[in-house]
Amino acid sequence: MRLAAIILGLAFLLWLPFEDVALKTVFTFALAISSWWGARLLVSVPLDPKRSLVRHLLVGLLTGLAVTPIALGLMAFKTGVHGHGVADFTPTQIGAVIHRTPAWIGGGALIGLGSALWRISRDERSDKIDA
């Protein structure tokens, strides 16, 4: 997890000075940060197998929900660092980020559900092997 955070931080520092206003890059960073945070939440606390589905689903939902504010924060930070007279990102781009929030939440929920089902099936297989 630390290595992933270091790599992500270095990539962010390399991206900042460029005049890149593509939403793909912003979404990539926001998704990477949010995914790192979600994975950190899942591995930081021991997991009760009975609550696995709910926990993974909730973390997936929160991870998807976090993409939009992280993306908006990155956009604001990049605009503030450059200090132009005109903002780096247009109001249309900001609206596009906000408009995609339901898709990110749904995607996060699906990934959370998938990871929960994988975890449950893995636990069941290990129980059969141990018996």
C-alpha atoms as a PDB file:
ATOM      1  CA  MET A   1       0.000   0.000   0.000  1.00  0.00           C
ATOM      2  CA  ARG A   2       2.835   2.388   0.793  1.00  0.00           C
ATOM      3  CA  LEU A   3       4.544   1.749  -2.522  1.00  0.00           C
ATOM      4  CA  ALA A   4       1.289   2.374  -4.398  1.00  0.00           C
ATOM      5  CA  ALA A   5       0.816   5.650  -2.513  1.00  0.00           C
ATOM      6  CA  ILE A   6       4.364   6.747  -3.291  1.00  0.00           C
ATOM      7  CA  ILE A   7       3.987   5.949  -6.996  1.00  0.00           C
ATOM      8  CA  LEU A   8       0.633   7.735  -7.108  1.00  0.00           C
ATOM      9  CA  GLY A   9       2.097  10.783  -5.368  1.00  0.00           C
ATOM     10  CA  LEU A  10       5.047  10.939  -7.745  1.00  0.00           C
ATOM     11  CA  ALA A  11       2.767  10.650 -10.772  1.00  0.00           C
ATOM     12  CA  PHE A  12       0.612  13.463  -9.373  1.00  0.00           C
ATOM     13  CA  LEU A  13       3.657  15.699  -8.861  1.00  0.00           C
ATOM     14  CA  LEU A  14       4.779  15.026 -12.429  1.00  0.00           C
ATOM     15  CA  TRP A  15       1.297  15.861 -13.774  1.00  0.00           C
ATOM     16  CA  LEU A  16       0.884  19.166 -11.919  1.00  0.00           C
ATOM     17  CA  PRO A  17       3.185  21.401 -13.989  1.00  0.00           C
ATOM     18  CA  PHE A  18       1.746  20.332 -17.354  1.00  0.00           C
ATOM     19  CA  GLU A  19      -1.058  22.252 -19.043  1.00  0.00           C
ATOM     20  CA  ASP A  20      -3.207  19.124 -19.213  1.00  0.00           C
ATOM     21  CA  VAL A  21      -6.937  19.850 -18.957  1.00  0.00           C
ATOM     22  CA  ALA A  22      -8.190  16.451 -20.101  1.00  0.00           C
ATOM     23  CA  LEU A  23     -10.845  14.893 -17.899  1.00  0.00           C
ATOM     24  CA  LYS A  24      -9.378  11.443 -18.578  1.00  0.00           C
ATOM     25  CA  THR A  25      -6.300  12.322 -16.576  1.00  0.00           C
ATOM     26  CA  VAL A  26      -8.294  13.848 -13.738  1.00  0.00           C
ATOM     27  CA  PHE A  27     -10.580  10.807 -13.584  1.00  0.00           C
ATOM     28  CA  THR A  28      -7.606   8.458 -13.680  1.00  0.00           C
ATOM     29  CA  PHE A  29      -6.019  10.151 -10.695  1.00  0.00           C
ATOM     30  CA  ALA A  30      -9.321  10.423  -8.817  1.00  0.00           C
ATOM     31  CA  LEU A  31     -10.108   6.763  -9.446  1.00  0.00           C
ATOM     32  CA  ALA A  32      -6.610   5.686  -8.413  1.00  0.00           C
ATOM     33  CA  ILE A  33      -6.750   7.713  -5.189  1.00  0.00           C
ATOM     34  CA  SER A  34     -10.247   6.500  -4.385  1.00  0.00           C
ATOM     35  CA  SER A  35      -9.339   2.872  -5.145  1.00  0.00           C
ATOM     36  CA  TRP A  36      -6.256   3.100  -2.954  1.00  0.00           C
ATOM     37  CA  TRP A  37      -8.374   4.494  -0.138  1.00  0.00           C
ATOM     38  CA  GLY A  38     -11.001   1.746  -0.568  1.00  0.00           C
ATOM     39  CA  ALA A  39      -8.386  -1.009  -0.586  1.00  0.00           C
ATOM     40  CA  ARG A  40      -6.829   0.524   2.508  1.00  0.00           C
ATOM     41  CA  LEU A  41     -10.196   0.433   4.266  1.00  0.00           C
ATOM     42  CA  LEU A  42     -10.686  -3.228   3.387  1.00  0.00           C
ATOM     43  CA  VAL A  43      -7.259  -4.460   4.474  1.00  0.00           C
ATOM     44  CA  SER A  44      -6.819  -2.293   7.561  1.00  0.00           C
ATOM     45  CA  VAL A  45      -9.371  -4.037   9.782  1.00  0.00           C
ATOM     46  CA  PRO A  46      -9.795  -7.817  10.193  1.00  0.00           C
ATOM     47  CA  LEU A  47     -12.905  -8.967   8.386  1.00  0.00           C
ATOM     48  CA  ASP A  48     -15.753 -10.925   9.928  1.00  0.00           C
ATOM     49  CA  PRO A  49     -16.908 -13.396   7.223  1.00  0.00           C
ATOM     50  CA  LYS A  50     -20.567 -12.815   8.166  1.00  0.00           C
ATOM     51  CA  ARG A  51     -20.299  -9.108   7.412  1.00  0.00           C
ATOM     52  CA  SER A  52     -18.104  -9.447   4.351  1.00  0.00           C
ATOM     53  CA  LEU A  53     -20.827  -8.719   1.805  1.00  0.00           C
ATOM     54  CA  VAL A  54     -22.098  -5.602   3.564  1.00  0.00           C
ATOM     55  CA  ARG A  55     -18.633  -4.229   4.241  1.00  0.00           C
ATOM     56  CA  HIS A  56     -17.342  -4.730   0.695  1.00  0.00           C
ATOM     57  CA  LEU A  57     -20.519  -3.282  -0.780  1.00  0.00           C
ATOM     58  CA  LEU A  58     -20.381  -0.239   1.507  1.00  0.00           C
ATOM     59  CA  VAL A  59     -16.698   0.376   0.795  1.00  0.00           C
ATOM     60  CA  GLY A  60     -17.395   0.020  -2.935  1.00  0.00           C
ATOM     61  CA  LEU A  61     -20.215   2.568  -2.728  1.00  0.00           C
ATOM     62  CA  LEU A  62     -18.072   5.017  -0.750  1.00  0.00           C
ATOM     63  CA  THR A  63     -15.133   4.523  -3.088  1.00  0.00           C
ATOM     64  CA  GLY A  64     -17.324   5.286  -6.102  1.00  0.00           C
ATOM     65  CA  LEU A  65     -18.876   8.262  -4.340  1.00  0.00           C
ATOM     66  CA  ALA A  66     -15.428   9.648  -3.467  1.00  0.00           C
ATOM     67  CA  VAL A  67     -14.319   9.869  -7.115  1.00  0.00           C
ATOM     68  CA  THR A  68     -16.293  13.053  -7.819  1.00  0.00           C
ATOM     69  CA  PRO A  69     -15.091  15.154  -4.863  1.00  0.00           C
ATOM     70  CA  ILE A  70     -11.532  13.955  -5.391  1.00  0.00           C
ATOM     71  CA  ALA A  71     -11.711  14.878  -9.096  1.00  0.00           C
ATOM     72  CA  LEU A  72     -13.144  18.309  -8.268  1.00  0.00           C
ATOM     73  CA  GLY A  73     -10.447  18.819  -5.648  1.00  0.00           C
ATOM     74  CA  LEU A  74      -7.722  17.875  -8.115  1.00  0.00           C
ATOM     75  CA  MET A  75      -9.161  20.270 -10.678  1.00  0.00           C
ATOM     76  CA  ALA A  76      -9.304  23.113  -8.154  1.00  0.00           C
ATOM     77  CA  PHE A  77      -5.802  22.388  -6.867  1.00  0.00           C
ATOM     78  CA  LYS A  78      -4.327  22.309 -10.371  1.00  0.00           C
ATOM     79  CA  THR A  79      -6.066  25.576 -11.255  1.00  0.00           C
ATOM     80  CA  GLY A  80      -4.787  27.183  -8.056  1.00  0.00           C
ATOM     81  CA  VAL A  81      -1.221  26.024  -8.628  1.00  0.00           C
ATOM     82  CA  HIS A  82      -1.082  27.454 -12.132  1.00  0.00           C
ATOM     83  CA  GLY A  83      -2.586  30.800 -11.137  1.00  0.00           C
ATOM     84  CA  HIS A  84      -3.787  31.798 -14.603  1.00  0.00           C
ATOM     85  CA  GLY A  85      -6.264  34.574 -15.145  1.00  0.00           C
ATOM     86  CA  VAL A  86      -8.556  31.911 -16.580  1.00  0.00           C
ATOM     87  CA  ALA A  87      -9.354  28.620 -14.866  1.00  0.00           C
ATOM     88  CA  ASP A  88      -7.771  25.467 -16.324  1.00  0.00           C
ATOM     89  CA  PHE A  89     -11.101  23.639 -16.361  1.00  0.00           C
ATOM     90  CA  THR A  90     -14.307  25.032 -17.841  1.00  0.00           C
ATOM     91  CA  PRO A  91     -17.695  25.031 -16.100  1.00  0.00           C
ATOM     92  CA  THR A  92     -18.788  22.459 -18.696  1.00  0.00           C
ATOM     93  CA  GLN A  93     -16.015  20.115 -17.573  1.00  0.00           C
ATOM     94  CA  ILE A  94     -16.930  20.623 -13.927  1.00  0.00           C
ATOM     95  CA  GLY A  95     -20.560  19.830 -14.763  1.00  0.00           C
ATOM     96  CA  ALA A  96     -19.446  16.701 -16.627  1.00  0.00           C
ATOM     97  CA  VAL A  97     -17.586  15.518 -13.536  1.00  0.00           C
ATOM     98  CA  ILE A  98     -20.645  16.042 -11.326  1.00  0.00           C
ATOM     99  CA  HIS A  99     -22.918  14.459 -13.922  1.00  0.00           C
ATOM    100  CA  ARG A 100     -20.906  11.204 -13.817  1.00  0.00           C
ATOM    101  CA  THR A 101     -21.322  10.710 -10.048  1.00  0.00           C
ATOM    102  CA  PRO A 102     -24.136   8.109 -10.297  1.00  0.00           C
ATOM    103  CA  ALA A 103     -22.051   6.034 -12.714  1.00  0.00           C
ATOM    104  CA  TRP A 104     -19.084   6.064 -10.328  1.00  0.00           C
ATOM    105  CA  ILE A 105     -21.310   5.053  -7.405  1.00  0.00           C
ATOM    106  CA  GLY A 106     -22.833   2.210  -9.427  1.00  0.00           C
ATOM    107  CA  GLY A 107     -19.429   1.046 -10.607  1.00  0.00           C
ATOM    108  CA  GLY A 108     -18.074   1.128  -7.072  1.00  0.00           C
ATOM    109  CA  ALA A 109     -21.056  -0.870  -5.821  1.00  0.00           C
ATOM    110  CA  LEU A 110     -20.548  -3.493  -8.518  1.00  0.00           C
ATOM    111  CA  ILE A 111     -16.845  -3.784  -7.752  1.00  0.00           C
ATOM    112  CA  GLY A 112     -17.635  -4.015  -4.036  1.00  0.00           C
ATOM    113  CA  LEU A 113     -20.189  -6.742  -4.712  1.00  0.00           C
ATOM    114  CA  GLY A 114     -17.729  -8.625  -6.904  1.00  0.00           C
ATOM    115  CA  SER A 115     -14.955  -8.420  -4.333  1.00  0.00           C
ATOM    116  CA  ALA A 116     -17.350  -9.578  -1.596  1.00  0.00           C
ATOM    117  CA  LEU A 117     -18.443 -12.579  -3.629  1.00  0.00           C
ATOM    118  CA  TRP A 118     -14.824 -13.409  -4.392  1.00  0.00           C
ATOM    119  CA  ARG A 119     -13.943 -13.153  -0.694  1.00  0.00           C
ATOM    120  CA  ILE A 120     -16.884 -15.340   0.335  1.00  0.00           C
ATOM    121  CA  SER A 121     -16.047 -18.018  -2.254  1.00  0.00           C
ATOM    122  CA  ARG A 122     -12.386 -17.942  -1.241  1.00  0.00           C
ATOM    123  CA  ASP A 123     -13.316 -18.396   2.430  1.00  0.00           C
ATOM    124  CA  GLU A 124     -15.632 -21.298   1.572  1.00  0.00           C
ATOM    125  CA  ARG A 125     -12.923 -23.029  -0.458  1.00  0.00           C
ATOM    126  CA  SER A 126     -10.382 -22.636   2.353  1.00  0.00           C
ATOM    127  CA  ASP A 127     -12.908 -24.113   4.822  1.00  0.00           C
ATOM    128  CA  LYS A 128     -13.349 -27.165   2.582  1.00  0.00           C
ATOM    129  CA  ILE A 129      -9.589 -27.604   2.260  1.00  0.00           C
ATOM    130  CA  ASP A 130      -9.090 -27.361   6.031  1.00  0.00           C
ATOM    131  CA  ALA A 131     -11.829 -29.938   6.757  1.00  0.00           C
END
